[in-house]
Amino acid sequence: SRIVEVPGMNVLIIGGNGYLGAAIAQACARAGAAVRILSRTAPVDGLGEWVPGDVQLPRLGLRGDRLDAVRTETTHVVSCFGTVDWTCGPDEALQVHAVGTRSVLTVLGELPSLQQALHVSSLLVLGRARGTVGNRELFVGQRFRNWYEYGKYTAEALVRESDLPIGVVRFGPILGPDPRGGRPDVRHGLPAVIPHLLAGHPVHLRHRGDFPCWV
């Protein structure tokens, strides 16, 4: 998406070393923004200032001068961290998404210059919902098919309960290159059908493509 240049924009991208986070960092840098990337490991392309941190720790694991700099200089935040394993268990799903989101919201509340934040959610927060569901709805009596969906749902619910200037955007499956091999992860979920499609095999999608799907 196009990012409008804003003078003095200082963006903190939480989870900025992932596929989506790296793309956001590049777009912000092209718009002339100062970019900080908070992640447990260093970004592969070295874009922006790397701030080592962990969303599962209080105040994202920041302390001292780094914490002071983030507090005083940050004007915009993009929170796009999270596990991308649809088969994760309850401990991982809730520890990362629920505990991590609480930690992020605590830090956002301590940023005096914060103008806008963005929480990256997922269409899967709606789980197995029935009928027509609006984009502004969250709990619609849905049932969750795995802990990943429930973890993303819990994170978005926490964001919606806050009174901070934070918006929510929901994505469907994002097929980005695997940094290790340059290919999307096709071990589980919807991307699992890709190798079979490329090989020319017929693929049956249950209920006209309803997730999950089987070859």
C-alpha atoms as a PDB file:
ATOM      1  CA  SER A   1       0.000   0.000   0.000  1.00  0.00           C
ATOM      2  CA  ARG A   2       1.054   3.607  -0.518  1.00  0.00           C
ATOM      3  CA  ILE A   3       2.289   5.394   2.590  1.00  0.00           C
ATOM      4  CA  VAL A   4       1.873   9.163   2.641  1.00  0.00           C
ATOM      5  CA  GLU A   5       5.046  10.935   3.700  1.00  0.00           C
ATOM      6  CA  VAL A   6       4.726  12.593   7.090  1.00  0.00           C
ATOM      7  CA  PRO A   7       7.535  14.876   8.288  1.00  0.00           C
ATOM      8  CA  GLY A   8       9.044  13.683  11.545  1.00  0.00           C
ATOM      9  CA  MET A   9       7.413  10.232  11.423  1.00  0.00           C
ATOM     10  CA  ASN A  10       9.242   7.816  13.727  1.00  0.00           C
ATOM     11  CA  VAL A  11       7.877   4.295  13.284  1.00  0.00           C
ATOM     12  CA  LEU A  12       8.356   1.384  15.660  1.00  0.00           C
ATOM     13  CA  ILE A  13       7.620  -1.913  13.886  1.00  0.00           C
ATOM     14  CA  ILE A  14       7.103  -4.707  16.387  1.00  0.00           C
ATOM     15  CA  GLY A  15       7.909  -7.972  14.667  1.00  0.00           C
ATOM     16  CA  GLY A  16       9.660  -6.156  11.837  1.00  0.00           C
ATOM     17  CA  ASN A  17      11.956  -9.009  10.839  1.00  0.00           C
ATOM     18  CA  GLY A  18       9.105 -11.137   9.449  1.00  0.00           C
ATOM     19  CA  TYR A  19       7.858 -11.136   5.857  1.00  0.00           C
ATOM     20  CA  LEU A  20       5.097  -8.599   6.456  1.00  0.00           C
ATOM     21  CA  GLY A  21       7.100  -6.510   8.935  1.00  0.00           C
ATOM     22  CA  ALA A  22      10.025  -6.217   6.521  1.00  0.00           C
ATOM     23  CA  ALA A  23       7.715  -4.999   3.745  1.00  0.00           C
ATOM     24  CA  ILE A  24       6.224  -2.395   6.083  1.00  0.00           C
ATOM     25  CA  ALA A  25       9.692  -1.256   7.136  1.00  0.00           C
ATOM     26  CA  GLN A  26      10.739  -0.807   3.510  1.00  0.00           C
ATOM     27  CA  ALA A  27       7.601   1.191   2.700  1.00  0.00           C
ATOM     28  CA  CYS A  28       8.073   3.437   5.731  1.00  0.00           C
ATOM     29  CA  ALA A  29      11.730   4.020   4.885  1.00  0.00           C
ATOM     30  CA  ARG A  30      10.798   4.970   1.300  1.00  0.00           C
ATOM     31  CA  ALA A  31       8.353   7.506   2.738  1.00  0.00           C
ATOM     32  CA  GLY A  32      11.186   9.143   4.633  1.00  0.00           C
ATOM     33  CA  ALA A  33      10.270   7.873   8.089  1.00  0.00           C
ATOM     34  CA  ALA A  34      12.763   6.932  10.760  1.00  0.00           C
ATOM     35  CA  VAL A  35      12.322   3.181  11.287  1.00  0.00           C
ATOM     36  CA  ARG A  36      12.956   1.080  14.365  1.00  0.00           C
ATOM     37  CA  ILE A  37      12.459  -2.681  14.185  1.00  0.00           C
ATOM     38  CA  LEU A  38      11.816  -4.508  17.447  1.00  0.00           C
ATOM     39  CA  SER A  39      12.404  -8.253  17.232  1.00  0.00           C
ATOM     40  CA  ARG A  40      14.279 -11.053  18.954  1.00  0.00           C
ATOM     41  CA  THR A  41      16.645 -11.502  15.997  1.00  0.00           C
ATOM     42  CA  ALA A  42      18.257  -8.969  13.707  1.00  0.00           C
ATOM     43  CA  PRO A  43      16.501  -8.189  10.396  1.00  0.00           C
ATOM     44  CA  VAL A  44      18.189  -9.938   7.491  1.00  0.00           C
ATOM     45  CA  ASP A  45      18.405  -6.818   5.323  1.00  0.00           C
ATOM     46  CA  GLY A  46      19.673  -4.516   8.076  1.00  0.00           C
ATOM     47  CA  LEU A  47      16.934  -1.978   7.319  1.00  0.00           C
ATOM     48  CA  GLY A  48      16.341   0.630   9.992  1.00  0.00           C
ATOM     49  CA  GLU A  49      17.555   0.579  13.570  1.00  0.00           C
ATOM     50  CA  TRP A  50      17.285  -2.833  15.192  1.00  0.00           C
ATOM     51  CA  VAL A  51      15.999  -2.800  18.773  1.00  0.00           C
ATOM     52  CA  PRO A  52      16.402  -6.248  20.380  1.00  0.00           C
ATOM     53  CA  GLY A  53      13.258  -7.081  22.320  1.00  0.00           C
ATOM     54  CA  ASP A  54      10.619  -9.671  23.080  1.00  0.00           C
ATOM     55  CA  VAL A  55       6.863  -9.038  23.293  1.00  0.00           C
ATOM     56  CA  GLN A  56       6.536 -11.723  25.967  1.00  0.00           C
ATOM     57  CA  LEU A  57       8.631  -9.653  28.397  1.00  0.00           C
ATOM     58  CA  PRO A  58       7.475  -6.613  30.401  1.00  0.00           C
ATOM     59  CA  ARG A  59       7.859  -3.417  28.350  1.00  0.00           C
ATOM     60  CA  LEU A  60       8.933  -5.599  25.423  1.00  0.00           C
ATOM     61  CA  GLY A  61      12.227  -6.350  27.161  1.00  0.00           C
ATOM     62  CA  LEU A  62      13.388  -2.744  26.687  1.00  0.00           C
ATOM     63  CA  ARG A  63      15.293  -0.873  29.356  1.00  0.00           C
ATOM     64  CA  GLY A  64      17.656   2.015  29.881  1.00  0.00           C
ATOM     65  CA  ASP A  65      18.514   4.278  26.956  1.00  0.00           C
ATOM     66  CA  ARG A  66      16.693   2.091  24.420  1.00  0.00           C
ATOM     67  CA  LEU A  67      13.447   2.290  26.367  1.00  0.00           C
ATOM     68  CA  ASP A  68      13.847   6.050  26.805  1.00  0.00           C
ATOM     69  CA  ALA A  69      14.461   6.551  23.069  1.00  0.00           C
ATOM     70  CA  VAL A  70      11.409   4.496  22.100  1.00  0.00           C
ATOM     71  CA  ARG A  71       9.256   6.363  24.610  1.00  0.00           C
ATOM     72  CA  THR A  72      10.304   9.869  23.619  1.00  0.00           C
ATOM     73  CA  GLU A  73      10.711   9.527  19.843  1.00  0.00           C
ATOM     74  CA  THR A  74       8.051   7.087  18.606  1.00  0.00           C
ATOM     75  CA  THR A  75       5.122   8.680  16.767  1.00  0.00           C
ATOM     76  CA  HIS A  76       3.687   5.615  14.994  1.00  0.00           C
ATOM     77  CA  VAL A  77       3.638   1.894  15.811  1.00  0.00           C
ATOM     78  CA  VAL A  78       2.869  -1.148  13.677  1.00  0.00           C
ATOM     79  CA  SER A  79       2.363  -4.329  15.706  1.00  0.00           C
ATOM     80  CA  CYS A  80       2.745  -7.306  13.370  1.00  0.00           C
ATOM     81  CA  PHE A  81       4.410  -9.912  15.575  1.00  0.00           C
ATOM     82  CA  GLY A  82       3.089 -13.395  16.196  1.00  0.00           C
ATOM     83  CA  THR A  83       3.478 -17.061  15.482  1.00  0.00           C
ATOM     84  CA  VAL A  84       2.443 -18.172  12.006  1.00  0.00           C
ATOM     85  CA  ASP A  85       2.034 -21.819  12.981  1.00  0.00           C
ATOM     86  CA  TRP A  86      -1.616 -22.811  12.554  1.00  0.00           C
ATOM     87  CA  THR A  87      -0.887 -26.043  14.429  1.00  0.00           C
ATOM     88  CA  CYS A  88       0.524 -24.416  17.586  1.00  0.00           C
ATOM     89  CA  GLY A  89      -0.810 -25.415  20.994  1.00  0.00           C
ATOM     90  CA  PRO A  90      -2.554 -23.264  23.614  1.00  0.00           C
ATOM     91  CA  ASP A  91       0.622 -22.309  25.475  1.00  0.00           C
ATOM     92  CA  GLU A  92       2.340 -20.855  22.411  1.00  0.00           C
ATOM     93  CA  ALA A  93      -0.786 -19.264  20.932  1.00  0.00           C
ATOM     94  CA  LEU A  94      -1.832 -17.444  24.103  1.00  0.00           C
ATOM     95  CA  GLN A  95       1.658 -16.649  25.376  1.00  0.00           C
ATOM     96  CA  VAL A  96       2.616 -14.964  22.117  1.00  0.00           C
ATOM     97  CA  HIS A  97      -0.643 -13.313  21.086  1.00  0.00           C
ATOM     98  CA  ALA A  98      -2.385 -12.530  24.395  1.00  0.00           C
ATOM     99  CA  VAL A  99       0.582 -11.855  26.682  1.00  0.00           C
ATOM    100  CA  GLY A 100       2.471 -10.165  23.847  1.00  0.00           C
ATOM    101  CA  THR A 101      -0.419  -7.867  22.994  1.00  0.00           C
ATOM    102  CA  ARG A 102      -0.833  -6.824  26.638  1.00  0.00           C
ATOM    103  CA  SER A 103       2.857  -5.935  26.757  1.00  0.00           C
ATOM    104  CA  VAL A 104       2.561  -3.918  23.539  1.00  0.00           C
ATOM    105  CA  LEU A 105      -0.488  -2.015  24.797  1.00  0.00           C
ATOM    106  CA  THR A 106       1.319  -1.159  28.026  1.00  0.00           C
ATOM    107  CA  VAL A 107       4.199   0.377  26.079  1.00  0.00           C
ATOM    108  CA  LEU A 108       1.837   2.240  23.738  1.00  0.00           C
ATOM    109  CA  GLY A 109       0.216   3.833  26.757  1.00  0.00           C
ATOM    110  CA  GLU A 110       3.614   5.251  27.756  1.00  0.00           C
ATOM    111  CA  LEU A 111       4.350   6.989  24.432  1.00  0.00           C
ATOM    112  CA  PRO A 112       3.614  10.720  24.814  1.00  0.00           C
ATOM    113  CA  SER A 113       4.099  11.450  21.094  1.00  0.00           C
ATOM    114  CA  LEU A 114       2.055   8.524  19.761  1.00  0.00           C
ATOM    115  CA  GLN A 115      -0.208   9.646  16.913  1.00  0.00           C
ATOM    116  CA  GLN A 116      -1.394   6.322  15.504  1.00  0.00           C
ATOM    117  CA  ALA A 117      -0.797   2.604  15.997  1.00  0.00           C
ATOM    118  CA  LEU A 118      -1.845  -0.360  13.874  1.00  0.00           C
ATOM    119  CA  HIS A 119      -2.534  -3.913  15.025  1.00  0.00           C
ATOM    120  CA  VAL A 120      -2.216  -6.604  12.365  1.00  0.00           C
ATOM    121  CA  SER A 121      -4.913  -9.202  12.923  1.00  0.00           C
ATOM    122  CA  SER A 122      -6.273 -12.049  10.803  1.00  0.00           C
ATOM    123  CA  LEU A 123      -9.523 -13.047   9.121  1.00  0.00           C
ATOM    124  CA  LEU A 124      -9.200 -16.230  11.153  1.00  0.00           C
ATOM    125  CA  VAL A 125     -10.361 -14.359  14.287  1.00  0.00           C
ATOM    126  CA  LEU A 126     -13.827 -15.161  12.960  1.00  0.00           C
ATOM    127  CA  GLY A 127     -13.106 -18.892  13.141  1.00  0.00           C
ATOM    128  CA  ARG A 128     -16.059 -20.930  11.937  1.00  0.00           C
ATOM    129  CA  ALA A 129     -18.597 -18.131  11.818  1.00  0.00           C
ATOM    130  CA  ARG A 130     -21.909 -18.596  10.053  1.00  0.00           C
ATOM    131  CA  GLY A 131     -23.871 -16.153   7.969  1.00  0.00           C
ATOM    132  CA  THR A 132     -22.784 -12.707   6.841  1.00  0.00           C
ATOM    133  CA  VAL A 133     -20.225 -11.087   9.128  1.00  0.00           C
ATOM    134  CA  GLY A 134     -19.253  -7.426   8.953  1.00  0.00           C
ATOM    135  CA  ASN A 135     -15.647  -6.310   9.102  1.00  0.00           C
ATOM    136  CA  ARG A 136     -16.249  -4.337  12.301  1.00  0.00           C
ATOM    137  CA  GLU A 137     -17.591  -7.350  14.181  1.00  0.00           C
ATOM    138  CA  LEU A 138     -15.503  -9.652  16.321  1.00  0.00           C
ATOM    139  CA  PHE A 139     -17.543 -11.998  18.502  1.00  0.00           C
ATOM    140  CA  VAL A 140     -20.320 -13.459  16.378  1.00  0.00           C
ATOM    141  CA  GLY A 141     -20.801 -16.771  18.190  1.00  0.00           C
ATOM    142  CA  GLN A 142     -18.034 -18.398  16.159  1.00  0.00           C
ATOM    143  CA  ARG A 143     -16.294 -21.631  17.029  1.00  0.00           C
ATOM    144  CA  PHE A 144     -12.532 -21.866  16.752  1.00  0.00           C
ATOM    145  CA  ARG A 145     -10.883 -24.687  14.863  1.00  0.00           C
ATOM    146  CA  ASN A 146      -7.413 -24.342  16.352  1.00  0.00           C
ATOM    147  CA  TRP A 147      -5.486 -22.417  19.004  1.00  0.00           C
ATOM    148  CA  TYR A 148      -3.964 -20.072  16.431  1.00  0.00           C
ATOM    149  CA  GLU A 149      -7.408 -18.677  15.604  1.00  0.00           C
ATOM    150  CA  TYR A 150      -8.274 -18.248  19.271  1.00  0.00           C
ATOM    151  CA  GLY A 151      -4.926 -16.572  19.990  1.00  0.00           C
ATOM    152  CA  LYS A 152      -5.463 -14.017  17.217  1.00  0.00           C
ATOM    153  CA  TYR A 153      -9.032 -13.477  18.421  1.00  0.00           C
ATOM    154  CA  THR A 154      -7.848 -12.822  21.985  1.00  0.00           C
ATOM    155  CA  ALA A 155      -5.228 -10.337  20.779  1.00  0.00           C
ATOM    156  CA  GLU A 156      -7.729  -8.353  18.722  1.00  0.00           C
ATOM    157  CA  ALA A 157     -10.219  -8.343  21.607  1.00  0.00           C
ATOM    158  CA  LEU A 158      -7.562  -6.780  23.871  1.00  0.00           C
ATOM    159  CA  VAL A 159      -6.807  -4.105  21.269  1.00  0.00           C
ATOM    160  CA  ARG A 160     -10.499  -3.257  20.850  1.00  0.00           C
ATOM    161  CA  GLU A 161     -10.892  -2.845  24.617  1.00  0.00           C
ATOM    162  CA  SER A 162      -8.141  -0.219  24.810  1.00  0.00           C
ATOM    163  CA  ASP A 163      -8.739   3.509  24.416  1.00  0.00           C
ATOM    164  CA  LEU A 164      -5.477   4.074  22.546  1.00  0.00           C
ATOM    165  CA  PRO A 165      -5.331   5.464  18.976  1.00  0.00           C
ATOM    166  CA  ILE A 166      -4.904   1.995  17.466  1.00  0.00           C
ATOM    167  CA  GLY A 167      -6.591   0.586  14.394  1.00  0.00           C
ATOM    168  CA  VAL A 168      -6.971  -3.017  13.283  1.00  0.00           C
ATOM    169  CA  VAL A 169      -6.371  -4.560   9.878  1.00  0.00           C
ATOM    170  CA  ARG A 170      -7.218  -8.185   9.073  1.00  0.00           C
ATOM    171  CA  PHE A 171      -5.393 -10.243   6.476  1.00  0.00           C
ATOM    172  CA  GLY A 172      -6.084 -13.634   4.999  1.00  0.00           C
ATOM    173  CA  PRO A 173      -3.220 -16.106   4.459  1.00  0.00           C
ATOM    174  CA  ILE A 174      -0.076 -14.246   3.385  1.00  0.00           C
ATOM    175  CA  LEU A 175       2.229 -16.323   1.219  1.00  0.00           C
ATOM    176  CA  GLY A 176       5.663 -14.818   1.668  1.00  0.00           C
ATOM    177  CA  PRO A 177       9.029 -16.334   0.841  1.00  0.00           C
ATOM    178  CA  ASP A 178      10.726 -18.476   3.438  1.00  0.00           C
ATOM    179  CA  PRO A 179      13.982 -16.661   4.323  1.00  0.00           C
ATOM    180  CA  ARG A 180      15.750 -20.024   4.446  1.00  0.00           C
ATOM    181  CA  GLY A 181      14.734 -21.303   1.030  1.00  0.00           C
ATOM    182  CA  GLY A 182      12.832 -18.571  -0.780  1.00  0.00           C
ATOM    183  CA  ARG A 183       9.562 -20.537  -0.879  1.00  0.00           C
ATOM    184  CA  PRO A 184       6.300 -20.269   1.067  1.00  0.00           C
ATOM    185  CA  ASP A 185       5.715 -22.714   3.906  1.00  0.00           C
ATOM    186  CA  VAL A 186       3.414 -25.376   2.447  1.00  0.00           C
ATOM    187  CA  ARG A 187       3.494 -27.857   5.314  1.00  0.00           C
ATOM    188  CA  HIS A 188       0.010 -27.115   6.646  1.00  0.00           C
ATOM    189  CA  GLY A 189      -3.131 -25.052   6.107  1.00  0.00           C
ATOM    190  CA  LEU A 190      -4.329 -23.662   2.804  1.00  0.00           C
ATOM    191  CA  PRO A 191      -0.811 -23.393   1.277  1.00  0.00           C
ATOM    192  CA  ALA A 192      -0.504 -27.201   1.526  1.00  0.00           C
ATOM    193  CA  VAL A 193      -2.406 -27.543  -1.761  1.00  0.00           C
ATOM    194  CA  ILE A 194       0.130 -25.470  -3.737  1.00  0.00           C
ATOM    195  CA  PRO A 195       2.578 -28.297  -4.617  1.00  0.00           C
ATOM    196  CA  HIS A 196      -0.298 -30.477  -5.833  1.00  0.00           C
ATOM    197  CA  LEU A 197      -1.742 -27.681  -7.961  1.00  0.00           C
ATOM    198  CA  LEU A 198       1.663 -26.986  -9.499  1.00  0.00           C
ATOM    199  CA  ALA A 199       2.008 -30.682 -10.298  1.00  0.00           C
ATOM    200  CA  GLY A 200      -1.315 -30.597 -12.154  1.00  0.00           C
ATOM    201  CA  HIS A 201      -3.264 -32.780  -9.735  1.00  0.00           C
ATOM    202  CA  PRO A 202      -6.974 -32.092  -9.101  1.00  0.00           C
ATOM    203  CA  VAL A 203      -7.693 -30.630  -5.674  1.00  0.00           C
ATOM    204  CA  HIS A 204     -10.974 -30.905  -3.814  1.00  0.00           C
ATOM    205  CA  LEU A 205     -11.831 -28.077  -1.434  1.00  0.00           C
ATOM    206  CA  ARG A 206     -14.487 -28.992   1.095  1.00  0.00           C
ATOM    207  CA  HIS A 207     -17.622 -26.802   1.102  1.00  0.00           C
ATOM    208  CA  ARG A 208     -16.487 -24.704  -1.888  1.00  0.00           C
ATOM    209  CA  GLY A 209     -13.122 -23.873  -0.377  1.00  0.00           C
ATOM    210  CA  ASP A 210     -13.957 -23.623   3.294  1.00  0.00           C
ATOM    211  CA  PHE A 211     -10.869 -24.010   5.479  1.00  0.00           C
ATOM    212  CA  PRO A 212      -9.435 -26.574   6.169  1.00  0.00           C
ATOM    213  CA  CYS A 213      -8.830 -28.211   2.821  1.00  0.00           C
ATOM    214  CA  TRP A 214      -7.589 -31.603   1.728  1.00  0.00           C
ATOM    215  CA  VAL A 215      -6.075 -32.852  -1.494  1.00  0.00           C
END
